[in-house]
C-alpha atoms as a PDB file:
ATOM      1  CA  MET A   1     -22.781   4.653  15.078  1.00  0.00           C
ATOM      2  CA  LYS A   2     -19.469   6.230  14.249  1.00  0.00           C
ATOM      3  CA  LEU A   3     -15.974   6.789  15.893  1.00  0.00           C
ATOM      4  CA  VAL A   4     -16.371   9.886  18.000  1.00  0.00           C
ATOM      5  CA  TRP A   5     -13.137  11.938  19.033  1.00  0.00           C
ATOM      6  CA  SER A   6     -12.542  12.426  22.701  1.00  0.00           C
ATOM      7  CA  PRO A   7      -9.874  14.931  23.189  1.00  0.00           C
ATOM      8  CA  ASP A   8      -9.725  14.398  26.982  1.00  0.00           C
ATOM      9  CA  ASN A   9      -8.934  10.695  26.500  1.00  0.00           C
ATOM     10  CA  ALA A  10      -6.512  11.618  23.760  1.00  0.00           C
ATOM     11  CA  LEU A  11      -4.469  14.035  26.124  1.00  0.00           C
ATOM     12  CA  LYS A  12      -4.653  11.807  29.188  1.00  0.00           C
ATOM     13  CA  ALA A  13      -3.153   8.831  27.285  1.00  0.00           C
ATOM     14  CA  TYR A  14      -0.650  11.121  25.491  1.00  0.00           C
ATOM     15  CA  ILE A  15       0.688  12.225  29.067  1.00  0.00           C
ATOM     16  CA  ASP A  16       0.708   8.560  30.506  1.00  0.00           C
ATOM     17  CA  THR A  17       2.531   7.286  27.657  1.00  0.00           C
ATOM     18  CA  VAL A  18       5.283  10.118  27.747  1.00  0.00           C
ATOM     19  CA  GLN A  19       5.656   9.099  31.432  1.00  0.00           C
ATOM     20  CA  SER A  20       6.027   5.517  30.591  1.00  0.00           C
ATOM     21  CA  CYS A  21       8.103   5.688  27.466  1.00  0.00           C
ATOM     22  CA  GLU A  22      10.457   8.282  28.130  1.00  0.00           C
ATOM     23  CA  LEU A  23      13.406   6.063  28.117  1.00  0.00           C
ATOM     24  CA  PHE A  24      12.490   4.052  24.916  1.00  0.00           C
ATOM     25  CA  GLN A  25      13.537   4.923  21.376  1.00  0.00           C
ATOM     26  CA  GLU A  26      10.592   6.165  18.992  1.00  0.00           C
ATOM     27  CA  SER A  27       8.646   7.193  21.986  1.00  0.00           C
ATOM     28  CA  SER A  28       7.336  10.118  20.033  1.00  0.00           C
ATOM     29  CA  VAL A  29       5.632   7.276  17.853  1.00  0.00           C
ATOM     30  CA  ALA A  30       4.134   5.683  20.802  1.00  0.00           C
ATOM     31  CA  GLU A  31       2.801   8.856  22.257  1.00  0.00           C
ATOM     32  CA  LEU A  32       0.865   9.734  19.113  1.00  0.00           C
ATOM     33  CA  ILE A  33      -0.387   6.191  18.453  1.00  0.00           C
ATOM     34  CA  SER A  34      -1.679   6.065  21.941  1.00  0.00           C
ATOM     35  CA  ALA A  35      -3.289   9.393  21.800  1.00  0.00           C
ATOM     36  CA  MET A  36      -4.955   8.526  18.650  1.00  0.00           C
ATOM     37  CA  ALA A  37      -6.411   5.098  20.030  1.00  0.00           C
ATOM     38  CA  ALA A  38      -7.730   6.873  23.267  1.00  0.00           C
ATOM     39  CA  GLY A  39      -8.905   9.836  21.401  1.00  0.00           C
ATOM     40  CA  TRP A  40     -11.021   7.737  19.251  1.00  0.00           C
ATOM     41  CA  ASN A  41     -12.194   5.754  22.115  1.00  0.00           C
ATOM     42  CA  ALA A  42     -11.171   2.489  20.586  1.00  0.00           C
ATOM     43  CA  GLN A  43     -12.881  -0.591  22.440  1.00  0.00           C
ATOM     44  CA  HIS A  44     -10.960  -3.148  20.475  1.00  0.00           C
ATOM     45  CA  ILE A  45      -7.185  -2.342  19.646  1.00  0.00           C
ATOM     46  CA  VAL A  46      -5.075  -4.715  17.801  1.00  0.00           C
ATOM     47  CA  GLU A  47      -1.502  -4.560  16.822  1.00  0.00           C
ATOM     48  CA  THR A  48       1.115  -6.886  15.109  1.00  0.00           C
ATOM     49  CA  TRP A  49       4.763  -7.291  16.648  1.00  0.00           C
ATOM     50  CA  SER A  50       7.677  -9.730  16.008  1.00  0.00           C
ATOM     51  CA  GLN A  51      10.814 -10.344  17.747  1.00  0.00           C
ATOM     52  CA  GLY A  52      13.252  -7.354  18.041  1.00  0.00           C
ATOM     53  CA  GLY A  53      10.509  -4.635  17.633  1.00  0.00           C
ATOM     54  CA  VAL A  54      10.141  -1.615  19.643  1.00  0.00           C
ATOM     55  CA  ILE A  55       7.985  -2.055  22.752  1.00  0.00           C
ATOM     56  CA  ALA A  56       7.028   1.587  23.285  1.00  0.00           C
ATOM     57  CA  THR A  57       4.085   1.495  20.944  1.00  0.00           C
ATOM     58  CA  SER A  58       2.862  -1.477  22.568  1.00  0.00           C
ATOM     59  CA  ILE A  59       2.945   0.054  25.900  1.00  0.00           C
ATOM     60  CA  GLY A  60       1.192   3.253  24.647  1.00  0.00           C
ATOM     61  CA  LEU A  61      -1.501   1.095  23.106  1.00  0.00           C
ATOM     62  CA  ALA A  62      -1.828  -0.874  26.504  1.00  0.00           C
ATOM     63  CA  ILE A  63      -2.454   2.737  28.150  1.00  0.00           C
ATOM     64  CA  ALA A  64      -4.878   3.796  25.727  1.00  0.00           C
ATOM     65  CA  SER A  65      -7.015   0.649  26.347  1.00  0.00           C
ATOM     66  CA  ARG A  66      -6.854   1.608  30.069  1.00  0.00           C
ATOM     67  CA  HIS A  67      -8.499   4.910  29.187  1.00  0.00           C
ATOM     68  CA  THR A  68     -11.223   3.595  26.989  1.00  0.00           C
ATOM     69  CA  GLY A  69     -11.800   0.467  28.989  1.00  0.00           C
ATOM     70  CA  GLY A  70     -11.265  -1.348  25.753  1.00  0.00           C
ATOM     71  CA  ARG A  71      -9.609  -4.739  24.828  1.00  0.00           C
ATOM     72  CA  HIS A  72      -5.759  -4.667  23.725  1.00  0.00           C
ATOM     73  CA  VAL A  73      -4.790  -7.718  21.668  1.00  0.00           C
ATOM     74  CA  CYS A  74      -1.308  -8.171  20.076  1.00  0.00           C
ATOM     75  CA  ILE A  75      -0.582 -10.796  17.185  1.00  0.00           C
ATOM     76  CA  VAL A  76       2.778 -12.272  17.061  1.00  0.00           C
ATOM     77  CA  PRO A  77       4.141 -14.823  14.383  1.00  0.00           C
ATOM     78  CA  ASP A  78       5.812 -17.358  16.738  1.00  0.00           C
ATOM     79  CA  GLU A  79       6.336 -18.595  20.210  1.00  0.00           C
ATOM     80  CA  GLN A  80       9.778 -16.861  20.474  1.00  0.00           C
ATOM     81  CA  SER A  81       8.418 -13.413  19.711  1.00  0.00           C
ATOM     82  CA  LYS A  82       5.333 -14.093  22.228  1.00  0.00           C
ATOM     83  CA  SER A  83       8.103 -14.880  24.958  1.00  0.00           C
ATOM     84  CA  GLU A  84      10.011 -11.792  24.299  1.00  0.00           C
ATOM     85  CA  TYR A  85       6.790  -9.625  23.990  1.00  0.00           C
ATOM     86  CA  THR A  86       5.382 -11.053  27.286  1.00  0.00           C
ATOM     87  CA  TYR A  87       8.620 -10.411  28.976  1.00  0.00           C
ATOM     88  CA  ALA A  88       8.944  -6.993  27.947  1.00  0.00           C
ATOM     89  CA  MET A  89       5.450  -5.863  28.647  1.00  0.00           C
ATOM     90  CA  THR A  90       5.355  -7.534  32.011  1.00  0.00           C
ATOM     91  CA  GLU A  91       8.512  -5.404  32.946  1.00  0.00           C
ATOM     92  CA  ALA A  92       6.544  -2.514  32.039  1.00  0.00           C
ATOM     93  CA  GLY A  93       3.670  -3.606  34.036  1.00  0.00           C
ATOM     94  CA  MET A  94       1.220  -4.386  31.244  1.00  0.00           C
ATOM     95  CA  SER A  95      -0.568  -7.718  30.248  1.00  0.00           C
ATOM     96  CA  PRO A  96      -2.204  -7.475  26.917  1.00  0.00           C
ATOM     97  CA  GLU A  97      -3.781 -10.515  25.411  1.00  0.00           C
ATOM     98  CA  ILE A  98      -1.451 -12.318  22.797  1.00  0.00           C
ATOM     99  CA  ILE A  99      -2.442 -14.462  19.879  1.00  0.00           C
ATOM    100  CA  VAL A 100       0.124 -16.497  18.069  1.00  0.00           C
ATOM    101  CA  GLY A 101      -0.246 -17.336  14.193  1.00  0.00           C
ATOM    102  CA  GLU A 102       0.072 -15.882  10.646  1.00  0.00           C
ATOM    103  CA  ALA A 103      -2.508 -13.563   9.362  1.00  0.00           C
ATOM    104  CA  GLU A 104      -4.641 -16.238   7.533  1.00  0.00           C
ATOM    105  CA  GLU A 105      -4.902 -18.171  10.774  1.00  0.00           C
ATOM    106  CA  VAL A 106      -5.775 -15.741  13.381  1.00  0.00           C
ATOM    107  CA  MET A 107      -7.425 -12.653  11.481  1.00  0.00           C
ATOM    108  CA  ASP A 108     -10.625 -14.478  11.189  1.00  0.00           C
ATOM    109  CA  ARG A 109     -10.818 -14.846  14.952  1.00  0.00           C
ATOM    110  CA  VAL A 110     -10.386 -11.306  15.724  1.00  0.00           C
ATOM    111  CA  VAL A 111     -13.462  -9.344  15.065  1.00  0.00           C
ATOM    112  CA  ASP A 112     -14.845  -5.877  15.613  1.00  0.00           C
ATOM    113  CA  ILE A 113     -11.493  -4.102  15.422  1.00  0.00           C
ATOM    114  CA  ASP A 114     -11.616  -0.324  15.527  1.00  0.00           C
ATOM    115  CA  PHE A 115      -7.985   0.571  16.054  1.00  0.00           C
ATOM    116  CA  LEU A 116      -5.395  -1.557  14.309  1.00  0.00           C
ATOM    117  CA  VAL A 117      -1.585  -0.978  14.241  1.00  0.00           C
ATOM    118  CA  VAL A 118       0.727  -2.848  11.824  1.00  0.00           C
ATOM    119  CA  ASP A 119       4.632  -2.930  11.326  1.00  0.00           C
ATOM    120  CA  SER A 120       5.169  -2.361   7.901  1.00  0.00           C
ATOM    121  CA  ARG A 121       8.381  -4.350   8.192  1.00  0.00           C
ATOM    122  CA  ARG A 122       6.404  -7.568   8.449  1.00  0.00           C
ATOM    123  CA  LYS A 123       6.108  -9.354   5.149  1.00  0.00           C
ATOM    124  CA  ASP A 124       2.325  -9.989   5.803  1.00  0.00           C
ATOM    125  CA  PHE A 125       1.252  -6.410   6.902  1.00  0.00           C
ATOM    126  CA  ALA A 126      -0.725  -5.664   3.895  1.00  0.00           C
ATOM    127  CA  LYS A 127      -2.651  -9.059   4.264  1.00  0.00           C
ATOM    128  CA  VAL A 128      -3.405  -8.275   7.898  1.00  0.00           C
ATOM    129  CA  LEU A 129      -5.150  -5.264   6.923  1.00  0.00           C
ATOM    130  CA  ARG A 130      -6.906  -6.871   4.112  1.00  0.00           C
ATOM    131  CA  LEU A 131      -8.199  -9.572   6.307  1.00  0.00           C
ATOM    132  CA  ALA A 132      -9.150  -7.316   9.352  1.00  0.00           C
ATOM    133  CA  LYS A 133     -12.626  -7.621  10.453  1.00  0.00           C
ATOM    134  CA  LEU A 134     -13.740  -4.251  11.449  1.00  0.00           C
ATOM    135  CA  GLY A 135     -16.541  -3.137  13.764  1.00  0.00           C
ATOM    136  CA  ASN A 136     -19.543  -1.399  12.648  1.00  0.00           C
ATOM    137  CA  ARG A 137     -18.266   2.173  13.824  1.00  0.00           C
ATOM    138  CA  GLY A 138     -15.548   1.928  11.271  1.00  0.00           C
ATOM    139  CA  ALA A 139     -11.776   1.669  12.293  1.00  0.00           C
ATOM    140  CA  VAL A 140      -8.596   3.611  12.232  1.00  0.00           C
ATOM    141  CA  MET A 141      -5.541   1.725  10.543  1.00  0.00           C
ATOM    142  CA  VAL A 142      -1.928   2.493  11.306  1.00  0.00           C
ATOM    143  CA  CYS A 143       1.161   1.363   9.493  1.00  0.00           C
ATOM    144  CA  LYS A 144       4.240   2.023  11.464  1.00  0.00           C
ATOM    145  CA  ASN A 145       7.782   1.930   9.972  1.00  0.00           C
ATOM    146  CA  ALA A 146       5.925   3.018   6.751  1.00  0.00           C
ATOM    147  CA  ASN A 147       9.292   3.969   5.173  1.00  0.00           C
ATOM    148  CA  ALA A 148      10.346   0.425   5.034  1.00  0.00           C
ATOM    149  CA  ARG A 149       7.460  -0.889   2.813  1.00  0.00           C
ATOM    150  CA  ALA A 150       7.050  -0.879  -0.942  1.00  0.00           C
ATOM    151  CA  SER A 151       6.311   2.506  -2.519  1.00  0.00           C
ATOM    152  CA  SER A 152       3.455   0.640  -4.645  1.00  0.00           C
ATOM    153  CA  PHE A 153       1.313   0.262  -1.338  1.00  0.00           C
ATOM    154  CA  ARG A 154      -2.073   2.027  -1.450  1.00  0.00           C
ATOM    155  CA  TRP A 155      -4.662   1.936   0.982  1.00  0.00           C
ATOM    156  CA  ARG A 156      -7.507   1.683  -1.309  1.00  0.00           C
ATOM    157  CA  SER A 157      -6.076  -1.714  -2.329  1.00  0.00           C
ATOM    158  CA  VAL A 158      -6.447  -3.270   1.150  1.00  0.00           C
ATOM    159  CA  VAL A 159      -9.442  -1.629   2.654  1.00  0.00           C
ATOM    160  CA  GLU A 160     -11.822  -1.005  -0.138  1.00  0.00           C
ATOM    161  CA  GLU A 161     -14.769  -3.598  -0.266  1.00  0.00           C
ATOM    162  CA  GLU A 162     -18.556  -4.202   0.467  1.00  0.00           C
ATOM    163  CA  SER A 163     -18.608  -3.375   3.973  1.00  0.00           C
ATOM    164  CA  ARG A 164     -16.071  -0.485   4.278  1.00  0.00           C
ATOM    165  CA  ARG A 165     -14.508   2.311   2.383  1.00  0.00           C
ATOM    166  CA  LEU A 166     -11.495   4.722   2.850  1.00  0.00           C
ATOM    167  CA  VAL A 167     -12.540   8.091   4.241  1.00  0.00           C
ATOM    168  CA  ARG A 168      -9.339   9.750   4.126  1.00  0.00           C
ATOM    169  CA  SER A 169      -5.528   8.990   4.790  1.00  0.00           C
ATOM    170  CA  VAL A 170      -2.413  10.778   5.835  1.00  0.00           C
ATOM    171  CA  PHE A 171       1.337  10.112   5.841  1.00  0.00           C
ATOM    172  CA  LEU A 172       3.121  11.548   9.013  1.00  0.00           C
ATOM    173  CA  PRO A 173       6.824  11.948   9.084  1.00  0.00           C
ATOM    174  CA  VAL A 174       7.044  10.726  12.715  1.00  0.00           C
ATOM    175  CA  GLY A 175       9.645   8.105  13.601  1.00  0.00           C
ATOM    176  CA  LYS A 176      10.345   5.922  10.560  1.00  0.00           C
ATOM    177  CA  GLY A 177       6.943   7.020   9.099  1.00  0.00           C
ATOM    178  CA  LEU A 178       3.381   6.534  10.104  1.00  0.00           C
ATOM    179  CA  ASP A 179       0.538   6.053   7.567  1.00  0.00           C
ATOM    180  CA  VAL A 180      -3.022   6.531   8.990  1.00  0.00           C
ATOM    181  CA  ALA A 181      -6.079   5.487   7.228  1.00  0.00           C
ATOM    182  CA  HIS A 182      -9.676   6.270   8.732  1.00  0.00           C
ATOM    183  CA  VAL A 183     -11.860   3.606   7.153  1.00  0.00           C
ATOM    184  CA  GLY A 184     -15.709   4.023   7.372  1.00  0.00           C
ATOM    185  CA  SER A 185     -18.092   1.224   7.889  1.00  0.00           C
ATOM    186  CA  SER A 186     -21.241   1.491   5.689  1.00  0.00           C
ATOM    187  CA  GLY A 187     -22.975  -1.698   5.993  1.00  0.00           C
ATOM    188  CA  GLY A 188     -23.587  -4.586   3.730  1.00  0.00           C
ATOM    189  CA  ASN A 189     -25.067  -2.200   0.916  1.00  0.00           C
ATOM    190  CA  SER A 190     -22.083   0.326   0.712  1.00  0.00           C
ATOM    191  CA  ARG A 191     -21.332  -0.527  -2.712  1.00  0.00           C
ATOM    192  CA  ALA A 192     -24.017   1.008  -4.601  1.00  0.00           C
ATOM    193  CA  ARG A 193     -25.727   0.107  -7.829  1.00  0.00           C
ATOM    194  CA  LYS A 194     -23.583   1.084 -10.962  1.00  0.00           C
ATOM    195  CA  GLY A 195     -23.514   4.624 -11.590  1.00  0.00           C
ATOM    196  CA  GLU A 196     -25.154   5.555  -8.190  1.00  0.00           C
ATOM    197  CA  LYS A 197     -22.083   6.657  -6.454  1.00  0.00           C
ATOM    198  CA  LYS A 198     -18.643   7.808  -7.721  1.00  0.00           C
ATOM    199  CA  TRP A 199     -15.611   8.356  -5.762  1.00  0.00           C
ATOM    200  CA  ILE A 200     -12.467  10.499  -6.581  1.00  0.00           C
ATOM    201  CA  THR A 201      -9.090  10.620  -4.864  1.00  0.00           C
ATOM    202  CA  HIS A 202      -7.074  13.762  -4.503  1.00  0.00           C
ATOM    203  CA  ILE A 203      -3.451  13.737  -2.992  1.00  0.00           C
ATOM    204  CA  ASP A 204      -2.163  17.147  -1.688  1.00  0.00           C
ATOM    205  CA  SER A 205       1.235  17.383  -3.306  1.00  0.00           C
ATOM    206  CA  GLN A 206       2.727  19.208  -0.211  1.00  0.00           C
ATOM    207  CA  SER A 207       1.226  17.165   2.821  1.00  0.00           C
ATOM    208  CA  GLY A 208       0.925  13.958   0.890  1.00  0.00           C
ATOM    209  CA  GLU A 209      -2.583  13.688   2.357  1.00  0.00           C
ATOM    210  CA  GLU A 210      -4.943  11.609   0.263  1.00  0.00           C
ATOM    211  CA  HIS A 211      -8.629  13.035   0.107  1.00  0.00           C
ATOM    212  CA  VAL A 212     -11.386  10.525  -0.858  1.00  0.00           C
ATOM    213  CA  ILE A 213     -14.492  12.703  -2.155  1.00  0.00           C
ATOM    214  CA  ARG A 214     -17.706  11.301  -3.181  1.00  0.00           C
ATOM    215  CA  LYS A 215     -19.546  12.649  -6.328  1.00  0.00           C
ATOM    216  CA  GLY A 216     -23.270  12.406  -6.816  1.00  0.00           C
ATOM    217  CA  ARG A 217     -25.565   9.873  -5.040  1.00  0.00           C
END
């Protein structure tokens, strides 16, 4: 199975998020992410959030999960963040599942992720991406506030391994920067024998989009 795009879900989630987040800052980010999660029919949506973060994205993800009938989980680093997040989401009429802990502690328990949103301002955001256990349909990964992270960050360094591969990535100048990657799941034998598969990367100088192309067999 692969992630399959549903334009109807995307549009419904977008409209609902516009209506719910019109008073929040960076609502454009929330609307776009919500539409992506719903459009990909994400069944397990996971995000990271910490104290002082913008809540609109979380509302958008909760709305998306309602449209897909999926599970929405938020990972927070401490009890203070949990308390603030719970209050804000309750005020918005949302009640996602919340898990408290650092990346190494919690990511092993969160499995079959097919839509992951991390805040690039968290020092462990790359570790969360690297430790994420994706579902067999592949996944979409989103870094919000991408302008705040180190310029040396590369998707390939956190997603390429035996069971998954980078299909494509794109940087979007929305809010404080959104960096989006589509990661394909290719099973336990994705890494072929030496010389059997070759991958090349091309970055469009105008759009900033990274294309990963397979050469040979």
